[in-house]
Amino acid sequence: MEEPLENLEQMNRSWTRFLPEIVRRKIEGRGYLQNVISNAGWQFGDSILRMGVGLVVGIWVARFLGPEQFGLLSYALAFVALFSGLAALGLDDIIVRDIVRDPSCKNVILGSAFLMKLIGGVLCFLLTTGTIILLRPADSLSHWMVGIIAVGNVFQAFNIIEFWFHSQVQAKYSVLAKSVAFIVCAVIKIVLIFAKASLIAFAWVSLIEIAAGSAGLVVAYRSRGWRLRVWRGSLEKAKDLLRDSWPLVFSTMVIMVYLRIDQVMIGEMVGSEEVGIYSVAVRMAEVWFFLPTAIYWSVFPSIVEARGQSEALFYERLQKYYNLMALSAYAVAIPVTLAAPWLVGALFGKAYTRGGPMLAVLIWANVFISLEMARSSFLTAMNWTRIYFLTVLSGCILNIVLNYILIPRYGGMGAVIASIISYWFAAHGSCFFFKPLFRTGFMLTKALVYPKIW
């Protein structure tokens, strides 16, 4: 059952009355733009909720556990993340793109993608648990924590429902579904702190949040009148999806490696306490990821649509998109840099004070992460997934090499420096090594130097 256009227009009119008069005049009568802004608003609201509640509860958990145990928890989460790209199978953007292009194939696309992700999740669980046993054969606590958290990758198959809502620019429903699970698990963490629970209990909460979020997505999907039983898996469609997504499978895995390998390498080369301190800086930087993520999923369908209309419109929207991503990243990086030296110690306690200078530098990596996210929409729309894989692979290799050199000398700050350099190269510097990306490289340079959005 598809939502009638008049209902969407009525919803758009209802929320636009809260906007300033000058903004209302600019978007009046532009239904699709209103829907995009409304969609972004829901995602911003969800992300701000997660940022606020997640930060408060995260600080509480870090204080309760202390650097050593918090480092062990962060290590387990980072270790599972290294392999999570296999569960995603690079299908997220492909699902959105294909449904936008051909809505009539929705049930075949969703059914095939669900089965593929379910198989990928099981393989991911087996690979993750097998690797941690080989790496730390005598560390049973790490085995249990990694194993519990890794089960969540099996439930990630239901996330295709979220991307169906993204393709319809209706993030509201997936936001409501996953936010309930997030809030419930935040309350559970607080209860565990008061109960002085063991470290393993916090690993179980991570699994519960993913499982509950998946259940919420199913409920939201059914509440809109759609049914999972009409999904149809097709070997032919699975082959088509995999043909386009396989470079993204490796790209996603590589991205997760260069986002999380630093914590794993610090844990192996320096120790859990340093992981805990570094992880505080990472979490304080990543809490701002909601800005580029919300913008991405609201703009991506319009980028795909513009590609089918005209080249001029396509590149015009891309430049504005790059500019917006850079400007929003600068707006966060500057104040966080100024506040970081005292902020981390004030929030997390004296034991984490060394995380302040790490955060002051690491927050600038968000500029390049935002631009890389924006550039990925261009590469997906062009179906240049192989080039995308090569750019992120080069950044990943550079990150590992720099971590290997810098972590033994400078600890967590060495990982920060490695991250800044490798994120810049993956997002911007690598564009000048691939001829098809020369134009994109100059567009990103323009966004970095002069991010004009009007």
Protein backbone atom coordinates (compact mmCIF):
# COMPACT_ATOMS: atom_id res chain seq x y z
CA MET A 1 0.00 0.00 0.00
CA GLU A 2 1.77 3.18 -1.14
CA GLU A 3 1.16 6.46 0.63
CA PRO A 4 -0.96 8.80 -1.54
CA LEU A 5 0.70 11.96 -2.77
CA GLU A 6 -1.95 14.15 -1.18
CA ASN A 7 -1.14 12.66 2.23
CA LEU A 8 2.53 13.54 1.79
CA GLU A 9 1.63 17.08 0.80
CA GLN A 10 -0.63 17.40 3.84
CA MET A 11 2.20 16.19 6.10
CA ASN A 12 4.59 18.69 4.49
CA ARG A 13 2.18 21.57 5.07
CA SER A 14 1.74 20.58 8.72
CA TRP A 15 5.39 20.88 9.70
CA THR A 16 6.31 23.85 7.48
CA ARG A 17 4.29 26.18 9.70
CA PHE A 18 7.10 25.89 12.29
CA LEU A 19 9.70 27.28 9.85
CA PRO A 20 10.65 30.97 9.54
CA GLU A 21 8.59 32.95 7.03
CA ILE A 22 11.52 33.48 4.63
CA VAL A 23 12.18 29.72 4.49
CA ARG A 24 8.49 28.91 4.01
CA ARG A 25 8.31 31.21 1.00
CA LYS A 26 11.33 29.56 -0.63
CA ILE A 27 9.98 26.00 -0.34
CA GLU A 28 6.28 26.79 -0.87
CA GLY A 29 4.83 24.51 -3.54
CA ARG A 30 8.01 22.41 -3.82
CA GLY A 31 6.65 19.13 -2.45
CA TYR A 32 9.74 17.01 -3.01
CA LEU A 33 12.03 19.58 -1.37
CA GLN A 34 9.68 19.79 1.59
CA ASN A 35 9.76 16.02 1.90
CA VAL A 36 13.57 15.96 1.76
CA ILE A 37 13.79 18.62 4.48
CA SER A 38 11.22 16.79 6.61
CA ASN A 39 13.16 13.53 6.13
CA ALA A 40 16.40 15.22 7.15
CA GLY A 41 14.61 16.71 10.16
CA TRP A 42 13.59 13.28 11.42
CA GLN A 43 17.13 11.98 11.02
CA PHE A 44 18.61 15.02 12.70
CA GLY A 45 16.16 14.59 15.56
CA ASP A 46 17.08 10.91 15.93
CA SER A 47 20.78 11.66 15.75
CA ILE A 48 20.57 14.49 18.29
CA LEU A 49 18.69 12.14 20.61
CA ARG A 50 21.38 9.50 20.17
CA MET A 51 24.13 12.09 20.57
CA GLY A 52 22.66 13.49 23.79
CA VAL A 53 21.50 10.28 25.47
CA GLY A 54 24.39 8.21 24.06
CA LEU A 55 26.96 10.72 25.27
CA VAL A 56 25.53 10.96 28.79
CA VAL A 57 25.14 7.19 29.17
CA GLY A 58 28.51 6.57 27.48
CA ILE A 59 30.25 8.91 29.93
CA TRP A 60 28.51 7.14 32.80
CA VAL A 61 29.60 3.72 31.50
CA ALA A 62 33.19 4.88 30.93
CA ARG A 63 33.41 6.33 34.44
CA PHE A 64 31.93 3.16 35.95
CA LEU A 65 34.18 0.74 34.08
CA GLY A 66 37.39 2.79 34.17
CA PRO A 67 39.99 2.98 31.37
CA GLU A 68 41.07 -0.68 31.60
CA GLN A 69 37.63 -2.35 31.36
CA PHE A 70 36.24 0.35 29.06
CA GLY A 71 39.23 -0.35 26.83
CA LEU A 72 38.34 -4.07 26.77
CA LEU A 73 34.74 -3.27 25.79
CA SER A 74 35.92 -0.84 23.10
CA TYR A 75 38.38 -3.43 21.81
CA ALA A 76 35.61 -6.05 21.45
CA LEU A 77 33.29 -3.60 19.66
CA ALA A 78 36.12 -2.50 17.34
CA PHE A 79 37.14 -6.08 16.62
CA VAL A 80 33.60 -7.06 15.56
CA ALA A 81 33.36 -3.91 13.45
CA LEU A 82 36.40 -5.02 11.44
CA PHE A 83 34.34 -7.88 9.97
CA SER A 84 30.88 -6.27 9.88
CA GLY A 85 31.27 -5.19 6.25
CA LEU A 86 30.83 -8.83 5.24
CA ALA A 87 27.35 -8.85 6.81
CA ALA A 88 26.34 -5.64 5.00
CA LEU A 89 27.55 -7.01 1.61
CA GLY A 90 27.76 -3.44 0.27
CA LEU A 91 24.05 -3.56 -0.52
CA ASP A 92 22.77 -0.50 1.35
CA ASP A 93 23.24 2.15 -1.35
CA ILE A 94 22.51 -0.37 -4.10
CA ILE A 95 19.11 -1.19 -2.57
CA VAL A 96 18.16 2.50 -2.43
CA ARG A 97 19.45 3.17 -5.94
CA ASP A 98 17.66 0.22 -7.57
CA ILE A 99 14.32 0.87 -5.85
CA VAL A 100 14.45 4.55 -6.87
CA ARG A 101 15.16 3.48 -10.45
CA ASP A 102 12.55 0.70 -10.62
CA PRO A 103 9.96 0.70 -7.79
CA SER A 104 8.03 -2.16 -9.43
CA CYS A 105 10.84 -4.59 -8.50
CA LYS A 106 10.72 -3.64 -4.81
CA ASN A 107 9.70 -7.06 -3.45
CA VAL A 108 12.27 -8.97 -5.48
CA ILE A 109 15.03 -6.52 -4.50
CA LEU A 110 14.14 -6.65 -0.80
CA GLY A 111 13.69 -10.44 -0.73
CA SER A 112 16.96 -11.15 -2.51
CA ALA A 113 18.89 -8.62 -0.43
CA PHE A 114 17.46 -10.02 2.82
CA LEU A 115 18.63 -13.57 2.06
CA MET A 116 22.04 -12.32 0.98
CA LYS A 117 22.48 -10.29 4.16
CA LEU A 118 21.31 -13.17 6.34
CA ILE A 119 23.95 -15.47 4.85
CA GLY A 120 26.55 -12.70 5.14
CA GLY A 121 25.68 -12.19 8.81
CA VAL A 122 26.19 -15.87 9.65
CA LEU A 123 29.53 -15.96 7.81
CA CYS A 124 30.58 -12.77 9.57
CA PHE A 125 29.81 -14.30 12.99
CA LEU A 126 31.84 -17.43 12.22
CA LEU A 127 34.79 -15.47 10.85
CA THR A 128 34.85 -13.00 13.75
CA THR A 129 34.70 -15.60 16.52
CA GLY A 130 37.22 -17.85 14.78
CA THR A 131 39.70 -15.00 14.38
CA ILE A 132 39.56 -13.81 18.00
CA ILE A 133 40.13 -17.38 19.23
CA LEU A 134 43.22 -17.64 17.02
CA LEU A 135 44.49 -14.20 17.99
CA ARG A 136 43.91 -14.52 21.75
CA PRO A 137 43.67 -18.27 22.46
CA ALA A 138 43.87 -17.95 26.25
CA ASP A 139 41.59 -14.90 26.67
CA SER A 140 38.13 -16.41 27.31
CA LEU A 141 36.62 -13.02 28.29
CA SER A 142 37.47 -11.59 24.86
CA HIS A 143 36.05 -14.72 23.20
CA TRP A 144 32.70 -14.29 24.95
CA MET A 145 32.45 -10.54 24.44
CA VAL A 146 33.34 -10.68 20.76
CA GLY A 147 31.03 -13.67 20.19
CA ILE A 148 28.03 -12.01 21.87
CA ILE A 149 28.46 -8.72 20.00
CA ALA A 150 29.08 -10.54 16.68
CA VAL A 151 25.66 -12.27 16.82
CA GLY A 152 24.20 -8.82 16.11
CA ASN A 153 25.47 -9.04 12.52
CA VAL A 154 22.91 -11.79 11.83
CA PHE A 155 20.06 -9.43 12.80
CA GLN A 156 21.45 -6.73 10.48
CA ALA A 157 19.63 -8.47 7.61
CA PHE A 158 16.46 -6.67 8.70
CA ASN A 159 18.16 -3.31 8.10
CA ILE A 160 17.07 -3.53 4.47
CA ILE A 161 13.70 -2.26 5.74
CA GLU A 162 15.46 0.93 6.84
CA PHE A 163 16.87 1.41 3.34
CA TRP A 164 13.42 0.87 1.83
CA PHE A 165 12.24 3.83 3.91
CA HIS A 166 15.31 5.79 2.76
CA SER A 167 14.41 5.11 -0.88
CA GLN A 168 10.97 6.61 -0.22
CA VAL A 169 12.47 9.58 1.68
CA GLN A 170 10.45 8.46 4.74
CA ALA A 171 13.07 8.11 7.47
CA LYS A 172 10.41 8.88 10.11
CA TYR A 173 9.32 5.25 10.44
CA SER A 174 12.76 3.68 10.75
CA VAL A 175 13.81 6.46 13.14
CA LEU A 176 10.90 5.75 15.47
CA ALA A 177 11.53 2.00 15.35
CA LYS A 178 15.23 2.13 16.17
CA SER A 179 15.00 5.00 18.65
CA VAL A 180 12.74 2.99 20.94
CA ALA A 181 15.30 0.17 21.06
CA PHE A 182 18.08 2.68 21.69
CA ILE A 183 16.29 4.36 24.61
CA VAL A 184 15.32 1.04 26.22
CA CYS A 185 18.93 -0.18 26.06
CA ALA A 186 20.21 3.14 27.44
CA VAL A 187 17.97 2.60 30.46
CA ILE A 188 19.25 -0.98 30.79
CA LYS A 189 22.85 0.30 30.87
CA ILE A 190 21.98 2.70 33.68
CA VAL A 191 20.36 -0.14 35.61
CA LEU A 192 23.51 -2.24 35.09
CA ILE A 193 25.66 0.56 36.49
CA PHE A 194 23.54 0.81 39.64
CA ALA A 195 23.59 -2.98 39.94
CA LYS A 196 27.42 -2.94 39.57
CA ALA A 197 27.11 -5.49 36.77
CA SER A 198 30.05 -7.29 35.19
CA LEU A 199 31.66 -6.21 31.93
CA ILE A 200 30.05 -9.05 29.96
CA ALA A 201 26.58 -7.62 30.69
CA PHE A 202 27.35 -4.53 28.59
CA ALA A 203 28.20 -6.77 25.63
CA TRP A 204 24.75 -8.38 25.94
CA VAL A 205 23.13 -4.93 25.83
CA SER A 206 24.86 -4.21 22.52
CA LEU A 207 23.29 -7.36 21.08
CA ILE A 208 19.86 -6.60 22.55
CA GLU A 209 19.83 -3.13 20.97
CA ILE A 210 20.44 -4.53 17.48
CA ALA A 211 17.86 -7.29 17.89
CA ALA A 212 15.22 -4.93 19.31
CA GLY A 213 15.91 -2.38 16.56
CA SER A 214 15.40 -5.08 13.91
CA ALA A 215 12.09 -6.09 15.51
CA GLY A 216 11.03 -2.44 15.52
CA LEU A 217 11.77 -2.11 11.80
CA VAL A 218 9.56 -5.12 11.06
CA VAL A 219 6.73 -3.60 13.09
CA ALA A 220 7.13 -0.23 11.33
CA TYR A 221 7.12 -1.88 7.91
CA ARG A 222 3.97 -3.87 8.66
CA SER A 223 2.26 -0.82 10.18
CA ARG A 224 2.51 0.92 6.79
CA GLY A 225 0.50 -1.90 5.21
CA TRP A 226 3.45 -3.78 3.70
CA ARG A 227 4.16 -7.47 4.30
CA LEU A 228 7.43 -9.37 4.47
CA ARG A 229 5.80 -12.51 3.08
CA VAL A 230 5.46 -10.95 -0.38
CA TRP A 231 9.25 -10.57 -0.65
CA ARG A 232 10.63 -12.92 -3.26
CA GLY A 233 14.21 -14.09 -3.39
CA SER A 234 15.58 -14.39 -6.89
CA LEU A 235 18.92 -15.94 -7.82
CA GLU A 236 19.06 -13.76 -10.92
CA LYS A 237 18.41 -10.59 -8.92
CA ALA A 238 20.91 -11.68 -6.27
CA LYS A 239 23.54 -12.03 -9.00
CA ASP A 240 22.67 -8.57 -10.33
CA LEU A 241 22.92 -7.03 -6.87
CA LEU A 242 26.18 -8.81 -6.11
CA ARG A 243 27.67 -7.79 -9.47
CA ASP A 244 27.19 -4.13 -8.54
CA SER A 245 27.85 -4.47 -4.82
CA TRP A 246 30.90 -6.75 -4.59
CA PRO A 247 33.37 -3.85 -4.81
CA LEU A 248 31.32 -2.16 -2.08
CA VAL A 249 31.57 -5.32 0.06
CA PHE A 250 35.33 -4.98 0.13
CA SER A 251 35.05 -1.18 0.34
CA THR A 252 32.83 -1.40 3.42
CA MET A 253 35.14 -3.92 5.04
CA VAL A 254 38.14 -1.74 4.26
CA ILE A 255 36.34 1.33 5.66
CA MET A 256 35.58 -0.50 8.89
CA VAL A 257 39.20 -1.61 9.09
CA TYR A 258 40.54 1.91 8.82
CA LEU A 259 37.87 3.22 11.21
CA ARG A 260 38.57 0.57 13.87
CA ILE A 261 41.99 -0.98 13.27
CA ASP A 262 43.61 1.77 15.36
CA GLN A 263 41.81 0.60 18.52
CA VAL A 264 42.70 -3.03 17.84
CA MET A 265 46.36 -2.16 17.15
CA ILE A 266 46.59 -0.01 20.29
CA GLY A 267 45.16 -2.91 22.29
CA GLU A 268 47.75 -5.32 20.89
CA MET A 269 50.74 -2.93 20.91
CA VAL A 270 50.20 -0.74 24.01
CA GLY A 271 47.39 -2.11 26.21
CA SER A 272 43.72 -1.86 27.17
CA GLU A 273 44.08 1.30 29.27
CA GLU A 274 45.42 3.25 26.29
CA VAL A 275 42.54 1.85 24.19
CA GLY A 276 40.09 3.18 26.78
CA ILE A 277 41.56 6.69 26.74
CA TYR A 278 41.81 6.77 22.95
CA SER A 279 38.27 5.39 22.59
CA VAL A 280 36.89 8.32 24.57
CA ALA A 281 38.38 10.71 21.99
CA VAL A 282 37.02 8.56 19.16
CA ARG A 283 33.51 8.49 20.64
CA MET A 284 33.49 12.24 21.23
CA ALA A 285 34.48 12.75 17.58
CA GLU A 286 32.08 10.16 16.18
CA VAL A 287 29.12 11.53 18.11
CA TRP A 288 28.97 14.21 15.39
CA PHE A 289 28.63 11.69 12.56
CA PHE A 290 24.88 12.26 12.66
CA LEU A 291 25.30 15.46 10.62
CA PRO A 292 26.80 13.95 7.43
CA THR A 293 24.73 10.76 7.82
CA ALA A 294 21.40 12.59 8.04
CA ILE A 295 22.33 14.81 5.10
CA TYR A 296 23.52 11.82 3.07
CA TRP A 297 20.34 9.75 3.29
CA SER A 298 18.17 12.78 2.59
CA VAL A 299 20.16 13.95 -0.44
CA PHE A 300 21.26 10.64 -2.02
CA PRO A 301 17.92 9.87 -3.79
CA SER A 302 17.95 13.36 -5.37
CA ILE A 303 21.55 12.81 -6.57
CA VAL A 304 20.49 9.58 -8.31
CA GLU A 305 17.46 11.34 -9.77
CA ALA A 306 19.56 14.29 -11.05
CA ARG A 307 21.92 11.88 -12.84
CA GLY A 308 18.98 10.73 -14.96
CA GLN A 309 17.90 14.30 -15.81
CA SER A 310 21.00 16.18 -16.93
CA GLU A 311 24.75 16.30 -16.36
CA ALA A 312 24.65 19.99 -15.47
CA LEU A 313 22.04 19.48 -12.76
CA PHE A 314 23.91 16.42 -11.49
CA TYR A 315 27.20 18.27 -10.94
CA GLU A 316 25.48 21.38 -9.63
CA ARG A 317 23.80 19.35 -6.89
CA LEU A 318 27.04 17.52 -6.15
CA GLN A 319 29.00 20.74 -5.63
CA LYS A 320 26.36 22.12 -3.28
CA TYR A 321 26.36 18.78 -1.48
CA TYR A 322 30.16 18.80 -1.05
CA ASN A 323 30.03 22.41 0.15
CA LEU A 324 27.33 21.63 2.70
CA MET A 325 29.26 18.65 4.04
CA ALA A 326 32.47 20.69 4.43
CA LEU A 327 30.70 23.64 6.05
CA SER A 328 28.86 21.47 8.57
CA ALA A 329 32.13 19.68 9.46
CA TYR A 330 33.95 22.99 10.00
CA ALA A 331 31.09 24.22 12.19
CA VAL A 332 31.73 21.26 14.51
CA ALA A 333 35.54 20.99 14.33
CA ILE A 334 36.39 24.56 15.36
CA PRO A 335 34.46 24.76 18.67
CA VAL A 336 35.31 21.15 19.62
CA THR A 337 39.04 21.86 19.10
CA LEU A 338 38.85 24.85 21.42
CA ALA A 339 36.90 22.98 24.11
CA ALA A 340 38.53 19.52 23.91
CA PRO A 341 41.55 20.04 26.26
CA TRP A 342 39.31 20.59 29.32
CA LEU A 343 36.09 18.97 28.09
CA VAL A 344 37.20 15.33 28.13
CA GLY A 345 38.59 15.49 31.65
CA ALA A 346 35.53 17.35 32.92
CA LEU A 347 33.11 14.81 31.45
CA PHE A 348 34.89 11.48 31.81
CA GLY A 349 37.07 12.13 34.84
CA LYS A 350 40.74 12.62 35.60
CA ALA A 351 41.70 9.13 34.40
CA TYR A 352 40.78 10.11 30.82
CA THR A 353 42.43 13.57 30.71
CA ARG A 354 44.97 12.55 28.05
CA GLY A 355 42.06 12.02 25.65
CA GLY A 356 41.52 15.81 25.41
CA PRO A 357 44.46 16.64 23.11
CA MET A 358 43.64 13.52 21.06
CA LEU A 359 40.09 14.78 20.50
CA ALA A 360 41.28 18.29 19.59
CA VAL A 361 43.18 16.85 16.62
CA LEU A 362 40.98 13.87 15.74
CA ILE A 363 37.83 15.99 15.28
CA TRP A 364 39.34 17.36 12.03
CA ALA A 365 39.17 13.89 10.54
CA ASN A 366 35.40 14.44 10.40
CA VAL A 367 35.92 16.97 7.60
CA PHE A 368 37.40 14.30 5.35
CA ILE A 369 35.00 11.58 6.51
CA SER A 370 32.07 13.86 5.58
CA LEU A 371 33.52 14.58 2.14
CA GLU A 372 34.27 10.90 1.55
CA MET A 373 30.67 10.07 2.41
CA ALA A 374 29.43 12.70 -0.04
CA ARG A 375 31.80 11.50 -2.75
CA SER A 376 30.55 7.93 -2.31
CA SER A 377 27.06 9.05 -3.43
CA PHE A 378 28.63 10.31 -6.67
CA LEU A 379 30.55 7.08 -7.23
CA THR A 380 27.48 4.94 -6.50
CA ALA A 381 25.31 6.98 -8.86
CA MET A 382 27.99 6.56 -11.56
CA ASN A 383 28.37 2.86 -10.67
CA TRP A 384 32.11 3.43 -10.21
CA THR A 385 32.26 1.10 -7.24
CA ARG A 386 35.64 -0.33 -8.23
CA ILE A 387 37.26 3.09 -8.10
CA TYR A 388 35.62 3.66 -4.73
CA PHE A 389 37.14 0.43 -3.47
CA LEU A 390 40.61 1.41 -4.64
CA THR A 391 40.45 4.83 -2.94
CA VAL A 392 39.37 3.46 0.43
CA LEU A 393 41.82 0.55 0.15
CA SER A 394 44.69 3.00 -0.36
CA GLY A 395 43.55 4.96 2.70
CA CYS A 396 43.29 1.78 4.74
CA ILE A 397 46.79 0.58 3.82
CA LEU A 398 48.22 4.01 4.60
CA ASN A 399 46.44 4.00 7.96
CA ILE A 400 47.78 0.58 8.95
CA VAL A 401 51.35 1.51 7.95
CA LEU A 402 51.23 4.82 9.83
CA ASN A 403 49.67 3.15 12.89
CA TYR A 404 52.43 0.54 12.90
CA ILE A 405 55.05 3.31 12.85
CA LEU A 406 53.43 5.88 15.15
CA ILE A 407 51.54 3.91 17.85
CA PRO A 408 54.66 2.39 19.52
CA ARG A 409 56.18 5.90 19.73
CA TYR A 410 53.21 8.10 20.56
CA GLY A 411 50.42 5.75 21.71
CA GLY A 412 46.93 7.04 21.09
CA MET A 413 48.14 10.35 19.62
CA GLY A 414 50.07 8.37 17.00
CA ALA A 415 46.80 6.72 15.96
CA VAL A 416 45.18 10.17 15.76
CA ILE A 417 47.85 11.46 13.38
CA ALA A 418 47.59 8.30 11.27
CA SER A 419 43.81 8.73 11.05
CA ILE A 420 43.97 12.37 9.92
CA ILE A 421 46.46 11.64 7.13
CA SER A 422 44.78 8.46 5.88
CA TYR A 423 41.24 9.92 5.94
CA TRP A 424 42.41 12.93 3.93
CA PHE A 425 44.11 10.70 1.37
CA ALA A 426 41.14 8.34 0.97
CA ALA A 427 38.62 11.17 0.53
CA HIS A 428 40.57 13.88 -1.32
CA GLY A 429 44.18 13.09 -2.14
CA SER A 430 43.39 9.82 -3.93
CA CYS A 431 41.15 11.65 -6.43
CA PHE A 432 44.25 12.99 -8.17
CA PHE A 433 45.55 9.46 -8.80
CA PHE A 434 42.51 8.41 -10.89
CA LYS A 435 41.76 10.34 -14.07
CA PRO A 436 37.92 9.92 -13.83
CA LEU A 437 38.10 11.59 -10.40
CA PHE A 438 40.14 14.66 -11.36
CA ARG A 439 37.01 16.80 -11.64
CA THR A 440 35.74 15.45 -8.32
CA GLY A 441 39.09 16.25 -6.69
CA PHE A 442 38.86 19.89 -7.77
CA MET A 443 35.23 20.07 -6.62
CA LEU A 444 36.26 18.75 -3.20
CA THR A 445 39.13 21.25 -3.07
CA LYS A 446 36.65 24.04 -3.77
CA ALA A 447 34.42 22.75 -0.96
CA LEU A 448 37.37 22.68 1.47
CA VAL A 449 38.53 26.20 0.56
CA TYR A 450 35.23 27.99 -0.08
CA PRO A 451 32.14 25.99 0.93
CA LYS A 452 29.46 28.29 -0.47
CA ILE A 453 26.00 26.70 -0.25
CA TRP A 454 23.66 29.48 -1.42
